[in-house]
Amino acid sequence: MAIADFGQLNMEEPPPFWGSRGVDCFEKLEQVGEGTYGQVYMAREIKTGEIVALKKIRMDNEREGFPITAIREIKILNKLDHPNVIHLKEIVTSPGRDRDDQGKPDNNKYKGGIYMVFEYMDHDLTGLSDRSTQGFTVPQIKCYMKQLLTGLHYCHIKKVLHRDIKGD
């Protein structure tokens, strides 16, 4: 938790310690995506009802621990705070066991799951584009580009270079 500036004490309840909660605090509603590094689910936080995105970090090919790409992503997202940059809310864990060659749980090997919890976005640019029958209007294009470039500018100010910008 960051230390507040003088005169700006935050009396709200502090956020939970990352990794102290389990994925069982969430109800997975549906898988909304899958990428190189894992699956993404729309989920509901059971206690509050808040809809979030759970990104499961793929650990299948990791023999030496946590994937460096995930560490890099978490480190970068943790230092960014802007309305046009996705917010990483917390990290949660799930218990799990590795499987042997026959697909049965191997009690000698334990490998739990790690999930990044993000704010949920109803739409992405690719989805909006696919649903549009007439394309975007000029004002819509200006609005979307302003949001994209404002977020990108903020990342550059924070010395973060995004190398994979896409619509989804």
N, C-alpha and C. Protein backbone atom coordinates (compact mmCIF):
# COMPACT_ATOMS: atom_id res chain seq x y z
N MET A 1 0.84 -1.18 0.00
CA MET A 1 0.00 0.00 0.00
C MET A 1 0.88 1.24 0.00
N ALA A 2 0.56 2.22 -0.83
CA ALA A 2 1.35 3.44 -0.92
C ALA A 2 1.09 4.32 0.29
N ILE A 3 2.08 5.07 0.69
CA ILE A 3 1.91 6.00 1.80
C ILE A 3 1.27 7.26 1.25
N ALA A 4 0.22 7.74 1.92
CA ALA A 4 -0.50 8.92 1.47
C ALA A 4 0.34 10.17 1.68
N ASP A 5 0.15 11.16 0.80
CA ASP A 5 0.81 12.44 0.98
C ASP A 5 0.25 13.12 2.22
N PHE A 6 1.01 14.06 2.78
CA PHE A 6 0.52 14.81 3.93
C PHE A 6 -0.83 15.43 3.60
N GLY A 7 -1.77 15.33 4.51
CA GLY A 7 -3.08 15.95 4.32
C GLY A 7 -4.03 15.11 3.49
N GLN A 8 -3.61 13.94 3.02
CA GLN A 8 -4.46 13.11 2.19
C GLN A 8 -4.56 11.69 2.74
N LEU A 9 -4.80 11.58 4.04
CA LEU A 9 -4.90 10.26 4.64
C LEU A 9 -6.16 9.57 4.17
N ASN A 10 -6.04 8.33 3.82
CA ASN A 10 -7.16 7.53 3.34
C ASN A 10 -7.65 6.66 4.49
N MET A 11 -8.86 6.90 4.96
CA MET A 11 -9.39 6.17 6.10
C MET A 11 -10.22 4.97 5.67
N GLU A 12 -10.28 4.66 4.37
CA GLU A 12 -11.01 3.50 3.90
C GLU A 12 -10.27 2.23 4.30
N GLU A 13 -10.99 1.11 4.24
CA GLU A 13 -10.37 -0.18 4.52
C GLU A 13 -9.30 -0.46 3.47
N PRO A 14 -8.11 -0.88 3.89
CA PRO A 14 -7.05 -1.14 2.91
C PRO A 14 -7.42 -2.33 2.04
N PRO A 15 -6.89 -2.36 0.82
CA PRO A 15 -7.18 -3.49 -0.06
C PRO A 15 -6.59 -4.77 0.52
N PRO A 16 -7.16 -5.93 0.15
CA PRO A 16 -6.61 -7.18 0.66
C PRO A 16 -5.19 -7.39 0.16
N PHE A 17 -4.38 -8.06 0.94
CA PHE A 17 -3.02 -8.38 0.53
C PHE A 17 -3.09 -9.30 -0.68
N TRP A 18 -2.38 -8.95 -1.72
CA TRP A 18 -2.42 -9.74 -2.95
C TRP A 18 -2.02 -11.18 -2.66
N GLY A 19 -2.83 -12.09 -3.13
CA GLY A 19 -2.54 -13.51 -2.96
C GLY A 19 -3.09 -14.09 -1.67
N SER A 20 -3.66 -13.24 -0.81
CA SER A 20 -4.20 -13.75 0.45
C SER A 20 -5.60 -14.33 0.27
N ARG A 21 -6.25 -14.00 -0.84
CA ARG A 21 -7.58 -14.55 -1.10
C ARG A 21 -7.48 -15.61 -2.18
N GLY A 22 -8.47 -16.50 -2.17
CA GLY A 22 -8.50 -17.56 -3.17
C GLY A 22 -9.48 -17.24 -4.27
N VAL A 23 -9.34 -17.95 -5.38
CA VAL A 23 -10.23 -17.77 -6.52
C VAL A 23 -11.66 -18.18 -6.16
N ASP A 24 -11.81 -18.93 -5.06
CA ASP A 24 -13.15 -19.33 -4.63
C ASP A 24 -13.98 -18.16 -4.10
N CYS A 25 -13.38 -16.98 -4.00
CA CYS A 25 -14.13 -15.76 -3.65
C CYS A 25 -14.91 -15.26 -4.86
N PHE A 26 -14.71 -15.91 -6.01
CA PHE A 26 -15.34 -15.50 -7.26
C PHE A 26 -16.11 -16.67 -7.86
N GLU A 27 -17.19 -16.34 -8.55
CA GLU A 27 -17.95 -17.33 -9.31
C GLU A 27 -17.64 -17.08 -10.79
N LYS A 28 -17.03 -18.05 -11.45
CA LYS A 28 -16.74 -17.90 -12.88
C LYS A 28 -18.06 -18.00 -13.64
N LEU A 29 -18.34 -16.99 -14.47
CA LEU A 29 -19.58 -16.96 -15.24
C LEU A 29 -19.40 -17.53 -16.63
N GLU A 30 -18.32 -17.15 -17.30
CA GLU A 30 -18.04 -17.69 -18.64
C GLU A 30 -16.63 -17.33 -19.05
N GLN A 31 -16.06 -18.15 -19.93
CA GLN A 31 -14.75 -17.83 -20.49
C GLN A 31 -14.97 -16.81 -21.59
N VAL A 32 -14.24 -15.69 -21.53
CA VAL A 32 -14.42 -14.63 -22.52
C VAL A 32 -13.21 -14.47 -23.43
N GLY A 33 -12.14 -15.20 -23.14
CA GLY A 33 -10.98 -15.10 -23.99
C GLY A 33 -9.92 -16.10 -23.62
N GLU A 34 -8.98 -16.28 -24.54
CA GLU A 34 -7.84 -17.15 -24.28
C GLU A 34 -6.69 -16.66 -25.12
N GLY A 35 -5.54 -16.55 -24.49
CA GLY A 35 -4.38 -16.08 -25.21
C GLY A 35 -3.19 -16.99 -24.96
N THR A 36 -2.05 -16.52 -25.37
CA THR A 36 -0.81 -17.27 -25.21
C THR A 36 -0.53 -17.57 -23.75
N TYR A 37 -0.87 -16.63 -22.88
CA TYR A 37 -0.47 -16.75 -21.48
C TYR A 37 -1.58 -17.25 -20.56
N GLY A 38 -2.77 -17.56 -21.07
CA GLY A 38 -3.81 -18.11 -20.21
C GLY A 38 -5.21 -17.76 -20.65
N GLN A 39 -6.19 -18.26 -19.87
CA GLN A 39 -7.60 -18.01 -20.15
C GLN A 39 -8.07 -16.79 -19.36
N VAL A 40 -9.13 -16.14 -19.90
CA VAL A 40 -9.76 -15.01 -19.22
C VAL A 40 -11.23 -15.34 -19.02
N TYR A 41 -11.71 -15.14 -17.79
CA TYR A 41 -13.09 -15.43 -17.45
C TYR A 41 -13.79 -14.18 -16.95
N MET A 42 -15.07 -14.03 -17.30
CA MET A 42 -15.91 -13.06 -16.63
C MET A 42 -16.35 -13.74 -15.35
N ALA A 43 -16.25 -13.04 -14.22
CA ALA A 43 -16.58 -13.64 -12.94
C ALA A 43 -17.28 -12.62 -12.05
N ARG A 44 -17.95 -13.13 -11.04
CA ARG A 44 -18.63 -12.27 -10.06
C ARG A 44 -17.99 -12.50 -8.70
N GLU A 45 -17.59 -11.40 -8.05
CA GLU A 45 -17.10 -11.53 -6.68
C GLU A 45 -18.30 -11.88 -5.80
N ILE A 46 -18.21 -12.97 -5.09
CA ILE A 46 -19.36 -13.49 -4.33
C ILE A 46 -19.81 -12.51 -3.25
N LYS A 47 -18.88 -11.91 -2.54
CA LYS A 47 -19.22 -11.02 -1.42
C LYS A 47 -19.90 -9.73 -1.86
N THR A 48 -19.41 -9.13 -2.96
CA THR A 48 -19.91 -7.81 -3.37
C THR A 48 -20.80 -7.84 -4.60
N GLY A 49 -20.73 -8.91 -5.38
CA GLY A 49 -21.49 -8.99 -6.63
C GLY A 49 -20.81 -8.28 -7.79
N GLU A 50 -19.64 -7.70 -7.55
CA GLU A 50 -18.93 -6.97 -8.61
C GLU A 50 -18.49 -7.93 -9.71
N ILE A 51 -18.69 -7.52 -10.96
CA ILE A 51 -18.24 -8.30 -12.11
C ILE A 51 -16.79 -7.92 -12.41
N VAL A 52 -15.94 -8.93 -12.55
CA VAL A 52 -14.51 -8.72 -12.81
C VAL A 52 -14.06 -9.66 -13.93
N ALA A 53 -12.84 -9.46 -14.37
CA ALA A 53 -12.21 -10.38 -15.31
C ALA A 53 -11.10 -11.11 -14.56
N LEU A 54 -11.12 -12.44 -14.64
CA LEU A 54 -10.07 -13.27 -14.04
C LEU A 54 -9.18 -13.80 -15.15
N LYS A 55 -7.92 -13.46 -15.10
CA LYS A 55 -6.96 -13.97 -16.08
C LYS A 55 -6.11 -15.03 -15.41
N LYS A 56 -6.31 -16.28 -15.82
CA LYS A 56 -5.53 -17.37 -15.24
C LYS A 56 -4.17 -17.41 -15.92
N ILE A 57 -3.14 -17.38 -15.10
CA ILE A 57 -1.78 -17.40 -15.64
C ILE A 57 -1.42 -18.84 -15.97
N ARG A 58 -1.05 -19.06 -17.20
CA ARG A 58 -0.71 -20.40 -17.67
C ARG A 58 0.62 -20.83 -17.05
N MET A 59 0.58 -21.95 -16.34
CA MET A 59 1.76 -22.46 -15.65
C MET A 59 2.21 -23.80 -16.23
N ASP A 60 1.52 -24.29 -17.27
CA ASP A 60 1.77 -25.63 -17.82
C ASP A 60 3.24 -25.87 -18.16
N ASN A 61 3.86 -24.90 -18.80
CA ASN A 61 5.22 -25.10 -19.31
C ASN A 61 6.30 -24.61 -18.35
N GLU A 62 5.89 -24.21 -17.16
CA GLU A 62 6.85 -23.65 -16.21
C GLU A 62 7.43 -24.74 -15.32
N ARG A 63 8.73 -24.90 -15.40
CA ARG A 63 9.41 -25.88 -14.54
C ARG A 63 10.15 -25.18 -13.41
N GLU A 64 10.44 -23.92 -13.60
CA GLU A 64 11.27 -23.18 -12.64
C GLU A 64 10.48 -22.18 -11.82
N GLY A 65 9.16 -22.33 -11.74
CA GLY A 65 8.38 -21.41 -10.92
C GLY A 65 7.46 -20.54 -11.74
N PHE A 66 7.36 -19.29 -11.35
CA PHE A 66 6.41 -18.34 -11.91
C PHE A 66 6.92 -17.77 -13.23
N PRO A 67 6.07 -17.66 -14.26
CA PRO A 67 6.52 -17.15 -15.57
C PRO A 67 7.03 -15.71 -15.49
N ILE A 68 8.18 -15.46 -16.06
CA ILE A 68 8.77 -14.11 -16.05
C ILE A 68 7.87 -13.12 -16.77
N THR A 69 7.15 -13.56 -17.80
CA THR A 69 6.24 -12.66 -18.52
C THR A 69 5.12 -12.18 -17.60
N ALA A 70 4.62 -13.05 -16.74
CA ALA A 70 3.56 -12.66 -15.81
C ALA A 70 4.12 -11.70 -14.75
N ILE A 71 5.32 -11.97 -14.28
CA ILE A 71 5.95 -11.07 -13.30
C ILE A 71 6.10 -9.69 -13.90
N ARG A 72 6.55 -9.63 -15.15
CA ARG A 72 6.72 -8.34 -15.83
C ARG A 72 5.39 -7.61 -15.97
N GLU A 73 4.34 -8.34 -16.39
CA GLU A 73 3.02 -7.73 -16.57
C GLU A 73 2.48 -7.20 -15.25
N ILE A 74 2.59 -7.97 -14.19
CA ILE A 74 2.09 -7.55 -12.88
C ILE A 74 2.85 -6.32 -12.40
N LYS A 75 4.16 -6.34 -12.54
CA LYS A 75 4.99 -5.22 -12.10
C LYS A 75 4.60 -3.93 -12.83
N ILE A 76 4.41 -4.02 -14.12
CA ILE A 76 4.05 -2.84 -14.92
C ILE A 76 2.65 -2.36 -14.56
N LEU A 77 1.68 -3.27 -14.55
CA LEU A 77 0.29 -2.87 -14.27
C LEU A 77 0.14 -2.31 -12.86
N ASN A 78 0.94 -2.78 -11.93
CA ASN A 78 0.85 -2.31 -10.56
C ASN A 78 1.27 -0.85 -10.42
N LYS A 79 2.10 -0.35 -11.33
CA LYS A 79 2.54 1.04 -11.22
C LYS A 79 1.70 2.00 -12.08
N LEU A 80 0.74 1.47 -12.85
CA LEU A 80 -0.08 2.31 -13.71
C LEU A 80 -1.44 2.57 -13.07
N ASP A 81 -1.87 3.81 -13.10
CA ASP A 81 -3.17 4.19 -12.55
C ASP A 81 -3.75 5.31 -13.42
N HIS A 82 -4.57 4.92 -14.39
CA HIS A 82 -5.12 5.89 -15.34
C HIS A 82 -6.45 5.36 -15.85
N PRO A 83 -7.42 6.25 -16.09
CA PRO A 83 -8.75 5.80 -16.55
C PRO A 83 -8.74 5.06 -17.89
N ASN A 84 -7.71 5.27 -18.71
CA ASN A 84 -7.64 4.61 -20.01
C ASN A 84 -6.65 3.45 -20.05
N VAL A 85 -6.26 2.97 -18.88
CA VAL A 85 -5.39 1.80 -18.76
C VAL A 85 -6.09 0.82 -17.82
N ILE A 86 -6.20 -0.43 -18.22
CA ILE A 86 -6.90 -1.44 -17.42
C ILE A 86 -6.29 -1.52 -16.02
N HIS A 87 -7.16 -1.68 -15.03
CA HIS A 87 -6.73 -1.69 -13.63
C HIS A 87 -6.60 -3.12 -13.11
N LEU A 88 -5.42 -3.47 -12.64
CA LEU A 88 -5.19 -4.75 -11.98
C LEU A 88 -5.58 -4.59 -10.52
N LYS A 89 -6.65 -5.27 -10.11
CA LYS A 89 -7.20 -5.11 -8.77
C LYS A 89 -6.43 -5.91 -7.72
N GLU A 90 -6.15 -7.17 -8.02
CA GLU A 90 -5.44 -8.02 -7.08
C GLU A 90 -5.02 -9.32 -7.75
N ILE A 91 -4.29 -10.11 -7.00
CA ILE A 91 -3.87 -11.45 -7.43
C ILE A 91 -4.54 -12.44 -6.47
N VAL A 92 -5.13 -13.51 -7.01
CA VAL A 92 -5.71 -14.55 -6.16
C VAL A 92 -5.14 -15.90 -6.58
N THR A 93 -5.27 -16.87 -5.70
CA THR A 93 -4.69 -18.19 -5.95
C THR A 93 -5.75 -19.28 -5.89
N SER A 94 -5.41 -20.42 -6.45
CA SER A 94 -6.27 -21.60 -6.31
C SER A 94 -5.38 -22.81 -6.07
N PRO A 95 -5.84 -23.73 -5.23
CA PRO A 95 -5.06 -24.94 -5.02
C PRO A 95 -5.14 -25.84 -6.24
N GLY A 96 -4.19 -26.68 -6.40
CA GLY A 96 -4.22 -27.61 -7.53
C GLY A 96 -3.12 -28.63 -7.42
N ARG A 97 -3.25 -29.70 -8.13
CA ARG A 97 -2.24 -30.75 -8.14
C ARG A 97 -1.84 -31.03 -9.58
N ASP A 98 -0.55 -31.27 -9.79
CA ASP A 98 -0.09 -31.71 -11.11
C ASP A 98 -0.68 -33.08 -11.41
N ARG A 99 -0.66 -33.44 -12.67
CA ARG A 99 -1.18 -34.75 -13.08
C ARG A 99 -0.03 -35.62 -13.59
N ASP A 100 -0.19 -36.93 -13.39
CA ASP A 100 0.82 -37.86 -13.89
C ASP A 100 0.57 -38.16 -15.37
N ASP A 101 1.33 -39.10 -15.94
CA ASP A 101 1.21 -39.41 -17.37
C ASP A 101 -0.15 -39.94 -17.77
N GLN A 102 -0.90 -40.53 -16.83
CA GLN A 102 -2.24 -41.05 -17.12
C GLN A 102 -3.33 -40.02 -16.84
N GLY A 103 -2.94 -38.79 -16.49
CA GLY A 103 -3.93 -37.74 -16.23
C GLY A 103 -4.51 -37.77 -14.83
N LYS A 104 -3.95 -38.60 -13.95
CA LYS A 104 -4.44 -38.68 -12.57
C LYS A 104 -3.66 -37.70 -11.71
N PRO A 105 -4.30 -37.16 -10.65
CA PRO A 105 -3.57 -36.24 -9.77
C PRO A 105 -2.32 -36.89 -9.19
N ASP A 106 -1.21 -36.15 -9.24
CA ASP A 106 0.06 -36.63 -8.69
C ASP A 106 0.23 -35.98 -7.32
N ASN A 107 0.08 -36.76 -6.28
CA ASN A 107 0.13 -36.22 -4.92
C ASN A 107 1.52 -35.76 -4.51
N ASN A 108 2.53 -36.09 -5.30
CA ASN A 108 3.88 -35.66 -4.98
C ASN A 108 4.22 -34.30 -5.58
N LYS A 109 3.38 -33.82 -6.47
CA LYS A 109 3.65 -32.53 -7.12
C LYS A 109 2.46 -31.60 -6.91
N TYR A 110 2.72 -30.45 -6.33
CA TYR A 110 1.66 -29.47 -6.08
C TYR A 110 1.93 -28.24 -6.93
N LYS A 111 0.93 -27.81 -7.66
CA LYS A 111 1.06 -26.59 -8.44
C LYS A 111 -0.29 -25.89 -8.45
N GLY A 112 -0.43 -24.87 -7.66
CA GLY A 112 -1.69 -24.14 -7.60
C GLY A 112 -1.80 -23.16 -8.75
N GLY A 113 -3.00 -22.65 -8.96
CA GLY A 113 -3.24 -21.68 -10.01
C GLY A 113 -3.12 -20.26 -9.49
N ILE A 114 -2.74 -19.36 -10.36
CA ILE A 114 -2.61 -17.94 -10.05
C ILE A 114 -3.50 -17.18 -11.03
N TYR A 115 -4.30 -16.25 -10.50
CA TYR A 115 -5.20 -15.44 -11.32
C TYR A 115 -4.93 -13.97 -11.06
N MET A 116 -4.95 -13.18 -12.13
CA MET A 116 -4.94 -11.73 -12.00
C MET A 116 -6.40 -11.28 -12.10
N VAL A 117 -6.80 -10.41 -11.18
CA VAL A 117 -8.18 -9.90 -11.14
C VAL A 117 -8.17 -8.48 -11.70
N PHE A 118 -8.91 -8.29 -12.80
CA PHE A 118 -9.00 -6.99 -13.46
C PHE A 118 -10.41 -6.44 -13.37
N GLU A 119 -10.53 -5.13 -13.52
CA GLU A 119 -11.86 -4.58 -13.74
C GLU A 119 -12.39 -5.21 -15.03
N TYR A 120 -13.70 -5.41 -15.11
CA TYR A 120 -14.27 -6.04 -16.30
C TYR A 120 -14.69 -4.96 -17.29
N MET A 121 -14.32 -5.14 -18.55
CA MET A 121 -14.71 -4.22 -19.61
C MET A 121 -15.78 -4.90 -20.45
N ASP A 122 -16.93 -4.25 -20.60
CA ASP A 122 -18.04 -4.83 -21.36
C ASP A 122 -17.69 -5.06 -22.83
N HIS A 123 -16.89 -4.15 -23.38
CA HIS A 123 -16.60 -4.21 -24.82
C HIS A 123 -15.13 -3.95 -25.05
N ASP A 124 -14.61 -4.50 -26.12
CA ASP A 124 -13.29 -4.11 -26.60
C ASP A 124 -13.47 -3.57 -28.02
N LEU A 125 -12.45 -2.96 -28.54
CA LEU A 125 -12.56 -2.31 -29.85
C LEU A 125 -12.86 -3.31 -30.96
N THR A 126 -12.29 -4.50 -30.88
CA THR A 126 -12.57 -5.53 -31.89
C THR A 126 -14.04 -5.93 -31.84
N GLY A 127 -14.57 -6.13 -30.64
CA GLY A 127 -15.98 -6.50 -30.49
C GLY A 127 -16.91 -5.42 -31.01
N LEU A 128 -16.60 -4.16 -30.70
CA LEU A 128 -17.42 -3.06 -31.20
C LEU A 128 -17.37 -3.00 -32.73
N SER A 129 -16.19 -3.19 -33.28
CA SER A 129 -16.02 -3.14 -34.73
C SER A 129 -16.77 -4.28 -35.41
N ASP A 130 -16.70 -5.47 -34.84
CA ASP A 130 -17.38 -6.63 -35.42
C ASP A 130 -18.90 -6.48 -35.40
N ARG A 131 -19.43 -5.81 -34.38
CA ARG A 131 -20.88 -5.66 -34.25
C ARG A 131 -21.45 -4.51 -35.08
N SER A 132 -20.57 -3.61 -35.49
CA SER A 132 -21.03 -2.44 -36.25
C SER A 132 -21.30 -2.83 -37.70
N THR A 133 -22.51 -2.52 -38.18
CA THR A 133 -22.86 -2.86 -39.56
C THR A 133 -22.45 -1.77 -40.54
N GLN A 134 -22.35 -0.53 -40.07
CA GLN A 134 -22.00 0.58 -40.96
C GLN A 134 -20.63 1.18 -40.68
N GLY A 135 -19.88 0.58 -39.79
CA GLY A 135 -18.59 1.17 -39.43
C GLY A 135 -18.78 2.27 -38.40
N PHE A 136 -17.69 2.85 -38.00
CA PHE A 136 -17.73 3.91 -36.99
C PHE A 136 -17.93 5.26 -37.66
N THR A 137 -18.59 6.15 -36.94
CA THR A 137 -18.72 7.53 -37.41
C THR A 137 -17.42 8.26 -37.07
N VAL A 138 -17.22 9.41 -37.68
CA VAL A 138 -16.01 10.20 -37.40
C VAL A 138 -15.94 10.58 -35.92
N PRO A 139 -17.04 11.05 -35.30
CA PRO A 139 -16.97 11.36 -33.86
C PRO A 139 -16.61 10.13 -33.00
N GLN A 140 -17.12 8.95 -33.37
CA GLN A 140 -16.77 7.74 -32.62
C GLN A 140 -15.28 7.43 -32.76
N ILE A 141 -14.78 7.54 -33.98
CA ILE A 141 -13.35 7.27 -34.21
C ILE A 141 -12.50 8.23 -33.39
N LYS A 142 -12.88 9.50 -33.39
CA LYS A 142 -12.14 10.50 -32.60
C LYS A 142 -12.17 10.15 -31.11
N CYS A 143 -13.32 9.74 -30.63
CA CYS A 143 -13.48 9.39 -29.21
C CYS A 143 -12.61 8.19 -28.85
N TYR A 144 -12.67 7.13 -29.66
CA TYR A 144 -11.88 5.93 -29.39
C TYR A 144 -10.38 6.21 -29.48
N MET A 145 -9.98 6.98 -30.50
CA MET A 145 -8.56 7.29 -30.67
C MET A 145 -8.05 8.16 -29.52
N LYS A 146 -8.88 9.10 -29.06
CA LYS A 146 -8.47 9.94 -27.93
C LYS A 146 -8.23 9.07 -26.70
N GLN A 147 -9.14 8.12 -26.43
CA GLN A 147 -8.96 7.24 -25.27
C GLN A 147 -7.69 6.40 -25.41
N LEU A 148 -7.49 5.83 -26.59
CA LEU A 148 -6.32 4.99 -26.83
C LEU A 148 -5.03 5.78 -26.67
N LEU A 149 -4.97 6.94 -27.32
CA LEU A 149 -3.74 7.73 -27.30
C LEU A 149 -3.47 8.36 -25.94
N THR A 150 -4.53 8.71 -25.20
CA THR A 150 -4.36 9.25 -23.85
C THR A 150 -3.77 8.18 -22.93
N GLY A 151 -4.30 6.97 -23.00
CA GLY A 151 -3.75 5.87 -22.20
C GLY A 151 -2.32 5.54 -22.60
N LEU A 152 -2.05 5.52 -23.89
CA LEU A 152 -0.71 5.23 -24.39
C LEU A 152 0.28 6.32 -23.97
N HIS A 153 -0.14 7.57 -24.03
CA HIS A 153 0.71 8.69 -23.60
C HIS A 153 1.06 8.54 -22.12
N TYR A 154 0.08 8.19 -21.31
CA TYR A 154 0.32 7.98 -19.88
C TYR A 154 1.36 6.87 -19.68
N CYS A 155 1.22 5.77 -20.42
CA CYS A 155 2.19 4.68 -20.31
C CYS A 155 3.59 5.16 -20.66
N HIS A 156 3.71 5.97 -21.70
CA HIS A 156 5.01 6.48 -22.11
C HIS A 156 5.61 7.40 -21.05
N ILE A 157 4.76 8.22 -20.42
CA ILE A 157 5.24 9.08 -19.33
C ILE A 157 5.81 8.23 -18.20
N LYS A 158 5.19 7.08 -17.96
CA LYS A 158 5.63 6.17 -16.90
C LYS A 158 6.76 5.24 -17.38
N LYS A 159 7.28 5.52 -18.58
CA LYS A 159 8.39 4.75 -19.16
C LYS A 159 8.00 3.29 -19.45
N VAL A 160 6.75 3.11 -19.88
CA VAL A 160 6.26 1.79 -20.29
C VAL A 160 5.99 1.84 -21.78
N LEU A 161 6.59 0.92 -22.51
CA LEU A 161 6.38 0.82 -23.95
C LEU A 161 5.51 -0.39 -24.22
N HIS A 162 4.34 -0.17 -24.80
CA HIS A 162 3.44 -1.28 -25.12
C HIS A 162 3.83 -1.82 -26.49
N ARG A 163 4.13 -3.12 -26.56
CA ARG A 163 4.62 -3.70 -27.81
C ARG A 163 3.59 -4.56 -28.52
N ASP A 164 2.35 -4.55 -28.05
CA ASP A 164 1.36 -5.46 -28.65
C ASP A 164 -0.04 -4.85 -28.58
N ILE A 165 -0.21 -3.67 -29.14
CA ILE A 165 -1.52 -3.02 -29.10
C ILE A 165 -2.43 -3.67 -30.13
N LYS A 166 -3.59 -4.10 -29.66
CA LYS A 166 -4.60 -4.67 -30.56
C LYS A 166 -5.97 -4.32 -30.01
N GLY A 167 -6.99 -4.61 -30.78
CA GLY A 167 -8.34 -4.17 -30.44
C GLY A 167 -9.04 -4.96 -29.36
N ASP A 168 -8.49 -6.11 -28.98
CA ASP A 168 -9.18 -6.90 -27.96
C ASP A 168 -8.46 -6.92 -26.64
